[in-house]
C-alpha atoms as a PDB file:
ATOM      1  CA  MET A   1     130.509 147.895 107.979  1.00  0.00           C
ATOM      2  CA  VAL A   2     131.521 145.978 111.096  1.00  0.00           C
ATOM      3  CA  SER A   3     131.996 142.777 109.118  1.00  0.00           C
ATOM      4  CA  VAL A   4     134.013 144.560 106.425  1.00  0.00           C
ATOM      5  CA  VAL A   5     136.343 146.226 108.919  1.00  0.00           C
ATOM      6  CA  SER A   6     136.528 143.021 110.945  1.00  0.00           C
ATOM      7  CA  GLY A   7     137.636 141.239 107.781  1.00  0.00           C
ATOM      8  CA  LEU A   8     140.285 143.897 107.204  1.00  0.00           C
ATOM      9  CA  GLY A   9     141.442 143.351 110.767  1.00  0.00           C
ATOM     10  CA  GLU A  10     141.766 139.625 110.190  1.00  0.00           C
ATOM     11  CA  ARG A  11     143.701 140.219 106.986  1.00  0.00           C
ATOM     12  CA  TYR A  12     146.020 142.988 108.161  1.00  0.00           C
ATOM     13  CA  MET A  13     146.010 142.204 111.913  1.00  0.00           C
ATOM     14  CA  THR A  14     146.513 145.776 113.179  1.00  0.00           C
ATOM     15  CA  VAL A  15     145.044 149.225 112.646  1.00  0.00           C
ATOM     16  CA  LYS A  16     148.523 150.414 111.669  1.00  0.00           C
ATOM     17  CA  ALA A  17     148.638 147.843 108.853  1.00  0.00           C
ATOM     18  CA  ILE A  18     145.129 148.799 107.682  1.00  0.00           C
ATOM     19  CA  VAL A  19     146.117 152.466 107.541  1.00  0.00           C
ATOM     20  CA  ARG A  20     149.337 151.613 105.707  1.00  0.00           C
ATOM     21  CA  GLU A  21     147.347 149.644 103.147  1.00  0.00           C
ATOM     22  CA  LEU A  22     144.948 152.544 102.656  1.00  0.00           C
ATOM     23  CA  GLU A  23     147.924 154.830 102.038  1.00  0.00           C
ATOM     24  CA  SER A  24     149.491 152.375  99.600  1.00  0.00           C
ATOM     25  CA  VAL A  25     146.418 152.544  97.352  1.00  0.00           C
ATOM     26  CA  GLY A  26     146.521 156.342  97.350  1.00  0.00           C
ATOM     27  CA  PHE A  27     144.061 157.071 100.131  1.00  0.00           C
ATOM     28  CA  PHE A  28     144.906 160.251 102.021  1.00  0.00           C
ATOM     29  CA  VAL A  29     144.417 159.419 105.710  1.00  0.00           C
ATOM     30  CA  LYS A  30     142.500 162.091 107.603  1.00  0.00           C
ATOM     31  CA  ALA A  31     141.194 162.422 111.134  1.00  0.00           C
ATOM     32  CA  ARG A  32     137.777 161.284 109.957  1.00  0.00           C
ATOM     33  CA  THR A  33     139.327 157.999 108.773  1.00  0.00           C
ATOM     34  CA  PHE A  34     140.214 157.225 112.364  1.00  0.00           C
ATOM     35  CA  LEU A  35     136.865 158.450 113.662  1.00  0.00           C
ATOM     36  CA  LEU A  36     135.076 156.118 111.251  1.00  0.00           C
ATOM     37  CA  LEU A  37     137.220 153.149 112.302  1.00  0.00           C
ATOM     38  CA  LEU A  38     136.670 154.120 115.928  1.00  0.00           C
ATOM     39  CA  ARG A  39     132.901 154.186 115.516  1.00  0.00           C
ATOM     40  CA  ILE A  40     132.835 150.841 113.697  1.00  0.00           C
ATOM     41  CA  TYR A  41     135.038 149.038 116.220  1.00  0.00           C
ATOM     42  CA  TRP A  42     133.093 150.552 119.120  1.00  0.00           C
ATOM     43  CA  HIS A  43     129.717 149.476 117.766  1.00  0.00           C
ATOM     44  CA  GLY A  44     131.136 146.067 116.891  1.00  0.00           C
ATOM     45  CA  GLY A  45     132.329 145.535 120.456  1.00  0.00           C
ATOM     46  CA  MET A  46     135.949 145.212 119.316  1.00  0.00           C
ATOM     47  CA  TYR A  47     137.260 147.254 122.210  1.00  0.00           C
ATOM     48  CA  SER A  48     140.943 146.368 121.870  1.00  0.00           C
ATOM     49  CA  MET A  49     140.828 147.807 118.362  1.00  0.00           C
ATOM     50  CA  VAL A  50     139.353 151.055 119.731  1.00  0.00           C
ATOM     51  CA  PHE A  51     142.564 151.524 121.718  1.00  0.00           C
ATOM     52  CA  GLU A  52     144.634 150.777 118.619  1.00  0.00           C
ATOM     53  CA  VAL A  53     142.720 153.352 116.574  1.00  0.00           C
ATOM     54  CA  LEU A  54     143.288 156.016 119.226  1.00  0.00           C
ATOM     55  CA  GLU A  55     146.979 155.154 119.412  1.00  0.00           C
ATOM     56  CA  GLU A  56     147.395 155.285 115.644  1.00  0.00           C
ATOM     57  CA  MET A  57     145.405 158.514 115.512  1.00  0.00           C
ATOM     58  CA  GLY A  58     147.976 160.071 117.847  1.00  0.00           C
ATOM     59  CA  ARG A  59     150.844 158.856 115.678  1.00  0.00           C
ATOM     60  CA  PHE A  60     149.361 160.810 112.801  1.00  0.00           C
ATOM     61  CA  GLY A  61     149.201 163.909 114.982  1.00  0.00           C
ATOM     62  CA  PHE A  62     145.427 163.961 115.380  1.00  0.00           C
ATOM     63  CA  LYS A  63     144.105 164.868 118.810  1.00  0.00           C
ATOM     64  CA  PRO A  64     140.970 162.966 119.910  1.00  0.00           C
ATOM     65  CA  ASN A  65     137.876 165.164 119.797  1.00  0.00           C
ATOM     66  CA  ALA A  66     134.912 164.991 122.189  1.00  0.00           C
ATOM     67  CA  PHE A  67     133.408 162.035 120.299  1.00  0.00           C
ATOM     68  CA  ALA A  68     136.651 160.036 120.493  1.00  0.00           C
ATOM     69  CA  ARG A  69     137.033 160.819 124.186  1.00  0.00           C
ATOM     70  CA  ASN A  70     133.435 159.741 124.824  1.00  0.00           C
ATOM     71  CA  VAL A  71     134.031 156.454 123.002  1.00  0.00           C
ATOM     72  CA  LEU A  72     137.213 155.882 124.987  1.00  0.00           C
ATOM     73  CA  MET A  73     135.404 156.583 128.239  1.00  0.00           C
ATOM     74  CA  ASP A  74     132.519 154.253 127.325  1.00  0.00           C
ATOM     75  CA  VAL A  75     134.900 151.432 126.421  1.00  0.00           C
ATOM     76  CA  LEU A  76     136.875 151.875 129.620  1.00  0.00           C
ATOM     77  CA  PHE A  77     133.697 151.564 131.680  1.00  0.00           C
ATOM     78  CA  LYS A  78     132.551 148.536 129.684  1.00  0.00           C
ATOM     79  CA  ILE A  79     135.821 146.667 130.246  1.00  0.00           C
ATOM     80  CA  GLY A  80     135.722 147.447 133.961  1.00  0.00           C
ATOM     81  CA  ARG A  81     138.382 150.169 134.067  1.00  0.00           C
ATOM     82  CA  VAL A  82     136.153 152.567 135.996  1.00  0.00           C
ATOM     83  CA  ASP A  83     139.092 154.414 137.553  1.00  0.00           C
ATOM     84  CA  VAL A  84     140.559 155.272 134.155  1.00  0.00           C
ATOM     85  CA  GLY A  85     137.114 156.100 132.724  1.00  0.00           C
ATOM     86  CA  ILE A  86     136.545 158.580 135.550  1.00  0.00           C
ATOM     87  CA  LYS A  87     140.013 160.031 134.917  1.00  0.00           C
ATOM     88  CA  VAL A  88     139.147 160.570 131.246  1.00  0.00           C
ATOM     89  CA  LEU A  89     135.870 162.236 132.225  1.00  0.00           C
ATOM     90  CA  LYS A  90     137.581 164.505 134.741  1.00  0.00           C
ATOM     91  CA  GLY A  91     140.264 165.321 132.172  1.00  0.00           C
ATOM     92  CA  THR A  92     137.660 166.546 129.716  1.00  0.00           C
ATOM     93  CA  GLN A  93     137.906 170.332 129.772  1.00  0.00           C
ATOM     94  CA  LEU A  94     134.230 171.039 129.259  1.00  0.00           C
ATOM     95  CA  PRO A  95     132.319 167.793 129.716  1.00  0.00           C
ATOM     96  CA  ASN A  96     129.123 167.977 127.720  1.00  0.00           C
ATOM     97  CA  PHE A  97     125.792 166.340 128.475  1.00  0.00           C
ATOM     98  CA  LEU A  98     126.704 163.251 126.471  1.00  0.00           C
ATOM     99  CA  SER A  99     129.998 162.779 128.321  1.00  0.00           C
ATOM    100  CA  LEU A 100     128.277 162.984 131.670  1.00  0.00           C
ATOM    101  CA  ASN A 101     125.444 160.740 130.475  1.00  0.00           C
ATOM    102  CA  ILE A 102     127.894 158.053 129.324  1.00  0.00           C
ATOM    103  CA  GLY A 103     129.570 158.175 132.706  1.00  0.00           C
ATOM    104  CA  LEU A 104     126.326 158.027 134.673  1.00  0.00           C
ATOM    105  CA  CYS A 105     124.734 155.251 132.602  1.00  0.00           C
ATOM    106  CA  ASN A 106     127.792 153.034 132.835  1.00  0.00           C
ATOM    107  CA  LEU A 107     128.243 153.696 136.536  1.00  0.00           C
ATOM    108  CA  TYR A 108     124.583 152.857 137.229  1.00  0.00           C
ATOM    109  CA  LYS A 109     124.980 149.597 135.306  1.00  0.00           C
ATOM    110  CA  LEU A 110     128.022 148.807 137.455  1.00  0.00           C
ATOM    111  CA  ASN A 111     126.096 149.837 140.605  1.00  0.00           C
ATOM    112  CA  ASP A 112     128.953 152.200 141.492  1.00  0.00           C
ATOM    113  CA  LEU A 113     126.906 154.677 143.498  1.00  0.00           C
ATOM    114  CA  VAL A 114     129.913 156.485 144.963  1.00  0.00           C
ATOM    115  CA  ASN A 115     131.115 157.489 141.483  1.00  0.00           C
ATOM    116  CA  VAL A 116     127.545 158.231 140.386  1.00  0.00           C
ATOM    117  CA  LYS A 117     127.456 160.798 143.180  1.00  0.00           C
ATOM    118  CA  ASN A 118     130.813 162.250 142.085  1.00  0.00           C
ATOM    119  CA  VAL A 119     129.765 162.516 138.425  1.00  0.00           C
ATOM    120  CA  THR A 120     126.450 164.075 139.426  1.00  0.00           C
ATOM    121  CA  ARG A 121     128.399 166.733 141.329  1.00  0.00           C
ATOM    122  CA  MET A 122     130.388 167.461 138.161  1.00  0.00           C
ATOM    123  CA  MET A 123     127.133 168.361 136.449  1.00  0.00           C
ATOM    124  CA  TYR A 124     126.620 171.278 138.809  1.00  0.00           C
ATOM    125  CA  ILE A 125     130.098 172.760 138.502  1.00  0.00           C
END
C-alpha cells in the first residue's frame, strides 16, 4: 500500500489533490479515508504527508481521534519536535496506555530523561 499511495503522491503532489481525485470518481470521503492515508504515510516514513493528512482531515470537519493523535505525537518525536510532542500528549484528555507508551519509548530513544520522568508522572495522575 505504501508504494501505491506514494505513487499517488507523486502523481497528484498533495493529499488535497488525492482527495479531490477520489471525489471526482465518485468516492465519498469519510474519516476512515484519512485514517487509512495517515496509517500508510506513517508506516512509510513519509512524515510530511502525515501533517498534510491531518490538515486535510480538519478541512473536512473530522476531528483526529486517539489513533490520529498518537500518530501525530510519534511523528513529532521522530522528527525531533519533542516539545510539541509533549504538548500533544499533555493535550490528550485521557491519555491511554498506548499514548504514554509512545511518549516513553520515543523519549528513551532520544535519551531525554527529564521528559521521561514527566511522562511517567502522568501515568500516576
